[in-house]
Amino acid sequence: MFFEGFMLAEIPTPEGPIRLRHGGSGPPLLLLHGNPQTHVSWHRVAPLLARHFEMVCPDLRGYGGSFKPPARADHAPYSKRAMAGDAVAVMRHFGHRRFLVAGHDRGARVGHRLALDHPQAVERLAVLDIVPTIENFERADTARALAYYHWFWFAQPHPIPEMVISAASEVWFRAHTSRGKSPDAVFAPEALADYLAAARNPDMVRGMCEDYRAAVGIDLEHDRASRAAGLKVACPLLVLWGEKGKVGRFDDPLALWGQYASGRVEGGPVDTTHYLAEEDPEAIADWFLRFFR
């Protein structure tokens, strides 16, 4: 069943309401989703872990059913620092000041910033299918720019990307999420319906583009300041990536993340493309159980 045993809720935070699913019992584990998805991307993994952890799976601000701040010239409302603040507020709502974190794609970037800005809150961190944002930009060449072309397209000035996406939102979503497989073959019908409903919402499309505009501006400012100050991920770090995806094609993820962490770094490839938790949930649950316990 879809998220069996989990509660769907909307909870208040100082900035705005966050939609999430919550269930299970044990040490608190926060799961953060990627683009252009919602928290339901964890629907195959979270129930496998619910006997061991208290699971909290929110929509990031700007995505799904969570609040979507208006755009600003500095894009600060969509910085990873702001999203990390939401994560802290969500976990405090459930009574947790220290917790475990796993993020995929954009959610992993939020997790990285969360570990830097709130080291006292993050006990362990898992990042799925990313390298540090600053490295993707500073290492960009023709091949990488083509592979990650959407980073530069979404970041174009409002409202051009939004207008193009919203003119054919389902066509765009299917093209954007295709990784050699049809999205229908990767995503469960309930999950795909949630993603498409979000893609049809112009406010979500604006929020998504603002997320990427923040990435090329204020997020880079924060990342460069953290690097200059010598800030690194202090907690144990798990790094996973899709063996059939892009991340390992350009970098050695473990070695690269080792430069951004002061503690233990472990992990490896999973036999998937980009959508690890939906393509091989058993493998991800097994990694999480061994790492987080």
C-alpha atoms as a PDB file:
ATOM      1  CA  MET A   1       0.000   0.000   0.000  1.00  0.00           C
ATOM      2  CA  PHE A   2       1.026   3.626  -0.564  1.00  0.00           C
ATOM      3  CA  PHE A   3       2.741   4.957   2.603  1.00  0.00           C
ATOM      4  CA  GLU A   4       0.895   2.415   4.750  1.00  0.00           C
ATOM      5  CA  GLY A   5       0.837   3.458   8.398  1.00  0.00           C
ATOM      6  CA  PHE A   6       1.931   7.039   7.686  1.00  0.00           C
ATOM      7  CA  MET A   7       0.008  10.213   8.487  1.00  0.00           C
ATOM      8  CA  LEU A   8      -0.314  12.926   5.836  1.00  0.00           C
ATOM      9  CA  ALA A   9      -0.266  16.354   7.497  1.00  0.00           C
ATOM     10  CA  GLU A  10       0.419  20.031   7.036  1.00  0.00           C
ATOM     11  CA  ILE A  11       2.362  21.591   9.878  1.00  0.00           C
ATOM     12  CA  PRO A  12       3.196  25.237  10.594  1.00  0.00           C
ATOM     13  CA  THR A  13       6.725  26.637  10.536  1.00  0.00           C
ATOM     14  CA  PRO A  14       7.820  30.248  11.130  1.00  0.00           C
ATOM     15  CA  GLU A  15       8.012  30.797   7.353  1.00  0.00           C
ATOM     16  CA  GLY A  16       4.929  28.874   6.197  1.00  0.00           C
ATOM     17  CA  PRO A  17       3.144  25.504   6.171  1.00  0.00           C
ATOM     18  CA  ILE A  18       4.962  22.312   5.182  1.00  0.00           C
ATOM     19  CA  ARG A  19       3.190  19.225   3.816  1.00  0.00           C
ATOM     20  CA  LEU A  20       4.679  15.959   5.005  1.00  0.00           C
ATOM     21  CA  ARG A  21       4.195  12.330   5.906  1.00  0.00           C
ATOM     22  CA  HIS A  22       5.097  11.069   9.351  1.00  0.00           C
ATOM     23  CA  GLY A  23       5.213   7.554  10.747  1.00  0.00           C
ATOM     24  CA  GLY A  24       7.204   4.802  12.397  1.00  0.00           C
ATOM     25  CA  SER A  25       9.024   4.718  15.709  1.00  0.00           C
ATOM     26  CA  GLY A  26      12.624   4.906  16.845  1.00  0.00           C
ATOM     27  CA  PRO A  27      15.391   7.472  16.315  1.00  0.00           C
ATOM     28  CA  PRO A  28      14.137  10.376  14.157  1.00  0.00           C
ATOM     29  CA  LEU A  29      15.121  10.226  10.479  1.00  0.00           C
ATOM     30  CA  LEU A  30      14.382  13.143   8.139  1.00  0.00           C
ATOM     31  CA  LEU A  31      14.099  12.299   4.407  1.00  0.00           C
ATOM     32  CA  LEU A  32      14.411  15.158   1.884  1.00  0.00           C
ATOM     33  CA  HIS A  33      13.340  14.733  -1.741  1.00  0.00           C
ATOM     34  CA  GLY A  34      14.741  15.951  -5.045  1.00  0.00           C
ATOM     35  CA  ASN A  35      13.595  17.790  -8.146  1.00  0.00           C
ATOM     36  CA  PRO A  36      11.006  17.819  -9.699  1.00  0.00           C
ATOM     37  CA  GLN A  37       9.458  15.533  -7.124  1.00  0.00           C
ATOM     38  CA  THR A  38       7.791  15.660  -3.709  1.00  0.00           C
ATOM     39  CA  HIS A  39       8.135  13.748  -0.446  1.00  0.00           C
ATOM     40  CA  VAL A  40       6.314  10.791  -2.011  1.00  0.00           C
ATOM     41  CA  SER A  41       9.583   9.831  -3.727  1.00  0.00           C
ATOM     42  CA  TRP A  42      10.330   8.011  -0.445  1.00  0.00           C
ATOM     43  CA  HIS A  43       7.135   5.927  -0.476  1.00  0.00           C
ATOM     44  CA  ARG A  44       8.979   2.680  -1.252  1.00  0.00           C
ATOM     45  CA  VAL A  45      11.777   3.226   1.287  1.00  0.00           C
ATOM     46  CA  ALA A  46      10.046   4.833   4.270  1.00  0.00           C
ATOM     47  CA  PRO A  47       7.755   1.867   5.091  1.00  0.00           C
ATOM     48  CA  LEU A  48      10.794  -0.453   5.053  1.00  0.00           C
ATOM     49  CA  LEU A  49      12.416   1.706   7.726  1.00  0.00           C
ATOM     50  CA  ALA A  50       9.374   2.547   9.850  1.00  0.00           C
ATOM     51  CA  ARG A  51       9.975  -0.318  12.289  1.00  0.00           C
ATOM     52  CA  HIS A  52      13.395   1.130  13.100  1.00  0.00           C
ATOM     53  CA  PHE A  53      13.005   4.919  12.824  1.00  0.00           C
ATOM     54  CA  GLU A  54      10.503   7.698  13.276  1.00  0.00           C
ATOM     55  CA  MET A  55      10.230   8.887   9.691  1.00  0.00           C
ATOM     56  CA  VAL A  56       9.577  12.508   8.684  1.00  0.00           C
ATOM     57  CA  CYS A  57       9.200  13.125   4.938  1.00  0.00           C
ATOM     58  CA  PRO A  58       8.398  16.767   4.039  1.00  0.00           C
ATOM     59  CA  ASP A  59       7.928  18.619   0.781  1.00  0.00           C
ATOM     60  CA  LEU A  60      10.657  21.239   0.444  1.00  0.00           C
ATOM     61  CA  ARG A  61       9.443  24.819   0.300  1.00  0.00           C
ATOM     62  CA  GLY A  62       8.472  25.645  -3.271  1.00  0.00           C
ATOM     63  CA  TYR A  63       7.617  22.026  -4.051  1.00  0.00           C
ATOM     64  CA  GLY A  64       4.539  19.833  -3.773  1.00  0.00           C
ATOM     65  CA  GLY A  65       2.062  20.978  -1.147  1.00  0.00           C
ATOM     66  CA  SER A  66       4.429  23.131   0.917  1.00  0.00           C
ATOM     67  CA  PHE A  67       4.374  26.927   0.946  1.00  0.00           C
ATOM     68  CA  LYS A  68       5.857  28.779  -2.004  1.00  0.00           C
ATOM     69  CA  PRO A  69       7.313  32.206  -1.166  1.00  0.00           C
ATOM     70  CA  PRO A  70       7.141  34.961  -3.774  1.00  0.00           C
ATOM     71  CA  ALA A  71      10.232  35.409  -5.917  1.00  0.00           C
ATOM     72  CA  ARG A  72      12.791  37.985  -4.836  1.00  0.00           C
ATOM     73  CA  ALA A  73      15.672  39.524  -6.735  1.00  0.00           C
ATOM     74  CA  ASP A  74      18.229  37.924  -4.400  1.00  0.00           C
ATOM     75  CA  HIS A  75      16.388  34.529  -4.420  1.00  0.00           C
ATOM     76  CA  ALA A  76      17.117  34.229  -0.681  1.00  0.00           C
ATOM     77  CA  PRO A  77      13.723  32.644   0.138  1.00  0.00           C
ATOM     78  CA  TYR A  78      14.838  29.630  -1.915  1.00  0.00           C
ATOM     79  CA  SER A  79      18.387  29.339  -0.615  1.00  0.00           C
ATOM     80  CA  LYS A  80      19.436  26.000   0.839  1.00  0.00           C
ATOM     81  CA  ARG A  81      20.046  27.887   4.082  1.00  0.00           C
ATOM     82  CA  ALA A  82      16.361  28.856   4.199  1.00  0.00           C
ATOM     83  CA  MET A  83      15.284  25.300   3.352  1.00  0.00           C
ATOM     84  CA  ALA A  84      17.587  23.928   6.054  1.00  0.00           C
ATOM     85  CA  GLY A  85      15.863  26.261   8.505  1.00  0.00           C
ATOM     86  CA  ASP A  86      12.534  24.727   7.508  1.00  0.00           C
ATOM     87  CA  ALA A  87      13.943  21.264   8.211  1.00  0.00           C
ATOM     88  CA  VAL A  88      15.011  22.282  11.715  1.00  0.00           C
ATOM     89  CA  ALA A  89      11.570  23.795  12.363  1.00  0.00           C
ATOM     90  CA  VAL A  90       9.813  20.650  11.134  1.00  0.00           C
ATOM     91  CA  MET A  91      11.867  18.388  13.382  1.00  0.00           C
ATOM     92  CA  ARG A  92      11.388  20.657  16.392  1.00  0.00           C
ATOM     93  CA  HIS A  93       7.635  20.470  15.754  1.00  0.00           C
ATOM     94  CA  PHE A  94       7.957  16.744  16.468  1.00  0.00           C
ATOM     95  CA  GLY A  95      10.141  17.375  19.517  1.00  0.00           C
ATOM     96  CA  HIS A  96      13.552  16.599  17.970  1.00  0.00           C
ATOM     97  CA  ARG A  97      16.589  18.846  18.286  1.00  0.00           C
ATOM     98  CA  ARG A  98      19.005  16.178  17.041  1.00  0.00           C
ATOM     99  CA  PHE A  99      18.204  13.765  14.229  1.00  0.00           C
ATOM    100  CA  LEU A 100      19.382  11.735  11.242  1.00  0.00           C
ATOM    101  CA  VAL A 101      19.133  13.151   7.718  1.00  0.00           C
ATOM    102  CA  ALA A 102      19.056  11.666   4.223  1.00  0.00           C
ATOM    103  CA  GLY A 103      18.525  13.677   1.067  1.00  0.00           C
ATOM    104  CA  HIS A 104      18.306  12.954  -2.631  1.00  0.00           C
ATOM    105  CA  ASP A 105      19.205  15.461  -5.354  1.00  0.00           C
ATOM    106  CA  ARG A 106      18.044  18.947  -4.211  1.00  0.00           C
ATOM    107  CA  GLY A 107      17.181  17.495  -0.817  1.00  0.00           C
ATOM    108  CA  ALA A 108      20.766  16.294  -0.449  1.00  0.00           C
ATOM    109  CA  ARG A 109      21.955  19.835  -1.102  1.00  0.00           C
ATOM    110  CA  VAL A 110      19.642  21.039   1.653  1.00  0.00           C
ATOM    111  CA  GLY A 111      21.064  18.282   3.866  1.00  0.00           C
ATOM    112  CA  HIS A 112      24.614  19.451   3.157  1.00  0.00           C
ATOM    113  CA  ARG A 113      23.772  23.024   4.146  1.00  0.00           C
ATOM    114  CA  LEU A 114      21.836  21.753   7.183  1.00  0.00           C
ATOM    115  CA  ALA A 115      24.930  19.900   8.408  1.00  0.00           C
ATOM    116  CA  LEU A 116      27.077  23.031   7.993  1.00  0.00           C
ATOM    117  CA  ASP A 117      24.657  25.534   9.521  1.00  0.00           C
ATOM    118  CA  HIS A 118      23.247  23.298  12.269  1.00  0.00           C
ATOM    119  CA  PRO A 119      25.973  20.771  13.134  1.00  0.00           C
ATOM    120  CA  GLN A 120      24.499  20.261  16.596  1.00  0.00           C
ATOM    121  CA  ALA A 121      21.234  19.046  15.012  1.00  0.00           C
ATOM    122  CA  VAL A 122      22.549  16.506  12.477  1.00  0.00           C
ATOM    123  CA  GLU A 123      23.719  13.223  13.949  1.00  0.00           C
ATOM    124  CA  ARG A 124      24.442  11.517  10.609  1.00  0.00           C
ATOM    125  CA  LEU A 125      23.932  12.560   6.983  1.00  0.00           C
ATOM    126  CA  ALA A 126      23.335  10.577   3.783  1.00  0.00           C
ATOM    127  CA  VAL A 127      23.511  12.282   0.360  1.00  0.00           C
ATOM    128  CA  LEU A 128      22.144  10.535  -2.725  1.00  0.00           C
ATOM    129  CA  ASP A 129      23.329  11.175  -6.284  1.00  0.00           C
ATOM    130  CA  ILE A 130      25.072  14.509  -5.889  1.00  0.00           C
ATOM    131  CA  VAL A 131      28.469  16.067  -5.426  1.00  0.00           C
ATOM    132  CA  PRO A 132      28.753  19.443  -3.648  1.00  0.00           C
ATOM    133  CA  THR A 133      26.983  22.176  -5.604  1.00  0.00           C
ATOM    134  CA  ILE A 134      30.032  24.390  -5.774  1.00  0.00           C
ATOM    135  CA  GLU A 135      32.044  21.582  -7.373  1.00  0.00           C
ATOM    136  CA  ASN A 136      29.492  21.065 -10.144  1.00  0.00           C
ATOM    137  CA  PHE A 137      29.786  24.725 -11.110  1.00  0.00           C
ATOM    138  CA  GLU A 138      33.538  25.097 -10.690  1.00  0.00           C
ATOM    139  CA  ARG A 139      34.234  21.902 -12.646  1.00  0.00           C
ATOM    140  CA  ALA A 140      31.767  22.734 -15.429  1.00  0.00           C
ATOM    141  CA  ASP A 141      32.949  22.058 -18.959  1.00  0.00           C
ATOM    142  CA  THR A 142      31.031  21.348 -22.157  1.00  0.00           C
ATOM    143  CA  ALA A 143      30.188  17.745 -21.238  1.00  0.00           C
ATOM    144  CA  ARG A 144      29.058  18.579 -17.713  1.00  0.00           C
ATOM    145  CA  ALA A 145      27.084  21.622 -18.860  1.00  0.00           C
ATOM    146  CA  LEU A 146      25.222  19.516 -21.415  1.00  0.00           C
ATOM    147  CA  ALA A 147      24.514  16.798 -18.855  1.00  0.00           C
ATOM    148  CA  TYR A 148      23.241  19.354 -16.349  1.00  0.00           C
ATOM    149  CA  TYR A 149      21.766  21.814 -18.856  1.00  0.00           C
ATOM    150  CA  HIS A 150      18.618  22.265 -16.756  1.00  0.00           C
ATOM    151  CA  TRP A 151      20.663  23.904 -13.996  1.00  0.00           C
ATOM    152  CA  PHE A 152      21.361  26.800 -16.367  1.00  0.00           C
ATOM    153  CA  TRP A 153      17.951  26.823 -18.056  1.00  0.00           C
ATOM    154  CA  PHE A 154      15.903  26.917 -14.837  1.00  0.00           C
ATOM    155  CA  ALA A 155      18.167  29.700 -13.571  1.00  0.00           C
ATOM    156  CA  GLN A 156      17.313  32.034 -16.451  1.00  0.00           C
ATOM    157  CA  PRO A 157      15.389  35.178 -15.441  1.00  0.00           C
ATOM    158  CA  HIS A 158      11.746  34.887 -14.442  1.00  0.00           C
ATOM    159  CA  PRO A 159       9.357  34.206 -16.157  1.00  0.00           C
ATOM    160  CA  ILE A 160      10.856  32.649 -19.297  1.00  0.00           C
ATOM    161  CA  PRO A 161      11.564  29.088 -18.006  1.00  0.00           C
ATOM    162  CA  GLU A 162       8.260  29.074 -16.113  1.00  0.00           C
ATOM    163  CA  MET A 163       6.301  30.024 -19.242  1.00  0.00           C
ATOM    164  CA  VAL A 164       7.935  27.330 -21.358  1.00  0.00           C
ATOM    165  CA  ILE A 165       7.448  24.585 -18.729  1.00  0.00           C
ATOM    166  CA  SER A 166       3.859  25.540 -17.935  1.00  0.00           C
ATOM    167  CA  ALA A 167       2.917  25.558 -21.612  1.00  0.00           C
ATOM    168  CA  ALA A 168       3.358  21.764 -21.654  1.00  0.00           C
ATOM    169  CA  SER A 169       3.978  20.690 -18.074  1.00  0.00           C
ATOM    170  CA  GLU A 170       3.398  16.945 -18.494  1.00  0.00           C
ATOM    171  CA  VAL A 171       5.495  16.757 -21.668  1.00  0.00           C
ATOM    172  CA  TRP A 172       8.255  18.647 -19.858  1.00  0.00           C
ATOM    173  CA  PHE A 173       8.062  16.426 -16.761  1.00  0.00           C
ATOM    174  CA  ARG A 174       8.276  13.205 -18.755  1.00  0.00           C
ATOM    175  CA  ALA A 175      11.205  14.479 -20.799  1.00  0.00           C
ATOM    176  CA  HIS A 176      13.022  15.843 -17.755  1.00  0.00           C
ATOM    177  CA  THR A 177      12.686  12.668 -15.688  1.00  0.00           C
ATOM    178  CA  SER A 178      13.445  10.169 -18.453  1.00  0.00           C
ATOM    179  CA  ARG A 179      16.729   8.353 -17.758  1.00  0.00           C
ATOM    180  CA  GLY A 180      16.554   5.703 -20.464  1.00  0.00           C
ATOM    181  CA  LYS A 181      13.294   4.454 -18.942  1.00  0.00           C
ATOM    182  CA  SER A 182       9.782   5.824 -19.197  1.00  0.00           C
ATOM    183  CA  PRO A 183       8.700   7.614 -16.006  1.00  0.00           C
ATOM    184  CA  ASP A 184       5.732   5.227 -15.968  1.00  0.00           C
ATOM    185  CA  ALA A 185       8.192   2.359 -15.549  1.00  0.00           C
ATOM    186  CA  VAL A 186      10.094   4.067 -12.708  1.00  0.00           C
ATOM    187  CA  PHE A 187       7.423   5.858 -10.674  1.00  0.00           C
ATOM    188  CA  ALA A 188       4.411   4.243  -9.019  1.00  0.00           C
ATOM    189  CA  PRO A 189       1.076   5.554 -10.369  1.00  0.00           C
ATOM    190  CA  GLU A 190       0.284   7.315  -7.058  1.00  0.00           C
ATOM    191  CA  ALA A 191       3.695   8.988  -7.020  1.00  0.00           C
ATOM    192  CA  LEU A 192       3.533  10.010 -10.669  1.00  0.00           C
ATOM    193  CA  ALA A 193       0.096  11.548 -10.098  1.00  0.00           C
ATOM    194  CA  ASP A 194       1.491  13.635  -7.226  1.00  0.00           C
ATOM    195  CA  TYR A 195       4.461  14.795  -9.291  1.00  0.00           C
ATOM    196  CA  LEU A 196       2.287  15.736 -12.264  1.00  0.00           C
ATOM    197  CA  ALA A 197      -0.173  17.615 -10.063  1.00  0.00           C
ATOM    198  CA  ALA A 198       2.751  19.650  -8.737  1.00  0.00           C
ATOM    199  CA  ALA A 199       4.141  20.246 -12.234  1.00  0.00           C
ATOM    200  CA  ARG A 200       0.775  21.664 -13.338  1.00  0.00           C
ATOM    201  CA  ASN A 201       0.925  24.274 -10.545  1.00  0.00           C
ATOM    202  CA  PRO A 202       2.549  27.492 -11.848  1.00  0.00           C
ATOM    203  CA  ASP A 203       3.571  28.438  -8.303  1.00  0.00           C
ATOM    204  CA  MET A 204       5.516  25.184  -7.978  1.00  0.00           C
ATOM    205  CA  VAL A 205       7.230  25.774 -11.311  1.00  0.00           C
ATOM    206  CA  ARG A 206       8.228  29.244 -10.128  1.00  0.00           C
ATOM    207  CA  GLY A 207       9.467  27.811  -6.832  1.00  0.00           C
ATOM    208  CA  MET A 208      11.507  25.161  -8.632  1.00  0.00           C
ATOM    209  CA  CYS A 209      13.144  27.749 -10.883  1.00  0.00           C
ATOM    210  CA  GLU A 210      13.815  30.005  -7.905  1.00  0.00           C
ATOM    211  CA  ASP A 211      15.557  27.042  -6.239  1.00  0.00           C
ATOM    212  CA  TYR A 212      17.954  26.865  -9.192  1.00  0.00           C
ATOM    213  CA  ARG A 213      18.361  30.641  -9.377  1.00  0.00           C
ATOM    214  CA  ALA A 214      19.391  30.551  -5.739  1.00  0.00           C
ATOM    215  CA  ALA A 215      21.881  27.796  -6.593  1.00  0.00           C
ATOM    216  CA  VAL A 216      23.812  29.996  -9.043  1.00  0.00           C
ATOM    217  CA  GLY A 217      23.773  33.009  -6.722  1.00  0.00           C
ATOM    218  CA  ILE A 218      23.204  33.106  -2.990  1.00  0.00           C
ATOM    219  CA  ASP A 219      23.908  29.384  -2.472  1.00  0.00           C
ATOM    220  CA  LEU A 220      27.312  29.768  -4.108  1.00  0.00           C
ATOM    221  CA  GLU A 221      28.023  32.765  -1.885  1.00  0.00           C
ATOM    222  CA  HIS A 222      27.196  30.659   1.175  1.00  0.00           C
ATOM    223  CA  ASP A 223      29.230  27.697  -0.081  1.00  0.00           C
ATOM    224  CA  ARG A 224      32.290  29.819  -0.816  1.00  0.00           C
ATOM    225  CA  ALA A 225      32.073  31.484   2.583  1.00  0.00           C
ATOM    226  CA  SER A 226      31.815  28.093   4.310  1.00  0.00           C
ATOM    227  CA  ARG A 227      34.774  26.738   2.372  1.00  0.00           C
ATOM    228  CA  ALA A 228      36.878  29.819   3.118  1.00  0.00           C
ATOM    229  CA  ALA A 229      36.051  29.429   6.809  1.00  0.00           C
ATOM    230  CA  GLY A 230      37.073  25.760   6.729  1.00  0.00           C
ATOM    231  CA  LEU A 231      33.588  24.499   7.592  1.00  0.00           C
ATOM    232  CA  LYS A 232      33.049  20.824   6.780  1.00  0.00           C
ATOM    233  CA  VAL A 233      30.467  18.149   7.481  1.00  0.00           C
ATOM    234  CA  ALA A 234      31.446  16.998  10.958  1.00  0.00           C
ATOM    235  CA  CYS A 235      29.119  14.019  11.342  1.00  0.00           C
ATOM    236  CA  PRO A 236      29.512  10.618   9.636  1.00  0.00           C
ATOM    237  CA  LEU A 237      28.582  10.896   5.959  1.00  0.00           C
ATOM    238  CA  LEU A 238      27.078   8.287   3.618  1.00  0.00           C
ATOM    239  CA  VAL A 239      27.475   8.931  -0.123  1.00  0.00           C
ATOM    240  CA  LEU A 240      25.413   6.915  -2.619  1.00  0.00           C
ATOM    241  CA  TRP A 241      24.979   7.403  -6.346  1.00  0.00           C
ATOM    242  CA  GLY A 242      23.347   5.685  -9.309  1.00  0.00           C
ATOM    243  CA  GLU A 243      25.880   3.606 -11.202  1.00  0.00           C
ATOM    244  CA  LYS A 244      23.912   4.162 -14.431  1.00  0.00           C
ATOM    245  CA  GLY A 245      23.538   7.891 -13.812  1.00  0.00           C
ATOM    246  CA  LYS A 246      25.647  11.004 -14.336  1.00  0.00           C
ATOM    247  CA  VAL A 247      27.361  11.603 -10.998  1.00  0.00           C
ATOM    248  CA  GLY A 248      29.977   8.868 -11.206  1.00  0.00           C
ATOM    249  CA  ARG A 249      30.611   9.649 -14.858  1.00  0.00           C
ATOM    250  CA  PHE A 250      32.294  12.937 -13.999  1.00  0.00           C
ATOM    251  CA  ASP A 251      33.684  12.498 -10.484  1.00  0.00           C
ATOM    252  CA  ASP A 252      34.792  10.085  -7.798  1.00  0.00           C
ATOM    253  CA  PRO A 253      31.982  10.977  -5.361  1.00  0.00           C
ATOM    254  CA  LEU A 254      33.601   9.432  -2.270  1.00  0.00           C
ATOM    255  CA  ALA A 255      36.911  11.175  -2.850  1.00  0.00           C
ATOM    256  CA  LEU A 256      35.256  14.490  -3.623  1.00  0.00           C
ATOM    257  CA  TRP A 257      32.978  14.414  -0.591  1.00  0.00           C
ATOM    258  CA  GLY A 258      36.011  13.510   1.504  1.00  0.00           C
ATOM    259  CA  GLN A 259      37.261  17.051   0.859  1.00  0.00           C
ATOM    260  CA  TYR A 260      34.067  18.469   2.360  1.00  0.00           C
ATOM    261  CA  ALA A 261      33.851  16.275   5.462  1.00  0.00           C
ATOM    262  CA  SER A 262      36.000  16.055   8.574  1.00  0.00           C
ATOM    263  CA  GLY A 263      34.480  12.787   9.773  1.00  0.00           C
ATOM    264  CA  ARG A 264      34.093   9.328   8.293  1.00  0.00           C
ATOM    265  CA  VAL A 265      32.858   9.075   4.698  1.00  0.00           C
ATOM    266  CA  GLU A 266      31.517   5.810   3.288  1.00  0.00           C
ATOM    267  CA  GLY A 267      29.206   4.614   0.543  1.00  0.00           C
ATOM    268  CA  GLY A 268      29.255   3.474  -3.052  1.00  0.00           C
ATOM    269  CA  PRO A 269      27.252   3.064  -6.254  1.00  0.00           C
ATOM    270  CA  VAL A 270      23.783   1.535  -6.512  1.00  0.00           C
ATOM    271  CA  ASP A 271      22.598  -0.304  -9.635  1.00  0.00           C
ATOM    272  CA  THR A 272      20.170   2.451 -10.699  1.00  0.00           C
ATOM    273  CA  THR A 273      19.962   5.668 -12.676  1.00  0.00           C
ATOM    274  CA  HIS A 274      19.105   8.886 -10.803  1.00  0.00           C
ATOM    275  CA  TYR A 275      16.026   7.789  -8.829  1.00  0.00           C
ATOM    276  CA  LEU A 276      17.699   5.469  -6.344  1.00  0.00           C
ATOM    277  CA  ALA A 277      14.925   5.247  -3.762  1.00  0.00           C
ATOM    278  CA  GLU A 278      12.285   4.382  -6.352  1.00  0.00           C
ATOM    279  CA  GLU A 279      14.387   2.125  -8.572  1.00  0.00           C
ATOM    280  CA  ASP A 280      15.944  -0.001  -5.816  1.00  0.00           C
ATOM    281  CA  PRO A 281      14.291   0.758  -2.469  1.00  0.00           C
ATOM    282  CA  GLU A 282      15.565  -2.447  -0.848  1.00  0.00           C
ATOM    283  CA  ALA A 283      19.180  -1.489  -1.537  1.00  0.00           C
ATOM    284  CA  ILE A 284      18.664   2.024  -0.166  1.00  0.00           C
ATOM    285  CA  ALA A 285      16.863   0.722   2.927  1.00  0.00           C
ATOM    286  CA  ASP A 286      19.710  -1.719   3.531  1.00  0.00           C
ATOM    287  CA  TRP A 287      22.339   1.033   3.248  1.00  0.00           C
ATOM    288  CA  PHE A 288      20.304   3.279   5.587  1.00  0.00           C
ATOM    289  CA  LEU A 289      19.754   0.566   8.158  1.00  0.00           C
ATOM    290  CA  ARG A 290      23.456  -0.225   8.347  1.00  0.00           C
ATOM    291  CA  PHE A 291      24.554   3.409   8.370  1.00  0.00           C
ATOM    292  CA  PHE A 292      21.936   5.049  10.582  1.00  0.00           C
ATOM    293  CA  ARG A 293      21.796   2.266  13.177  1.00  0.00           C
END
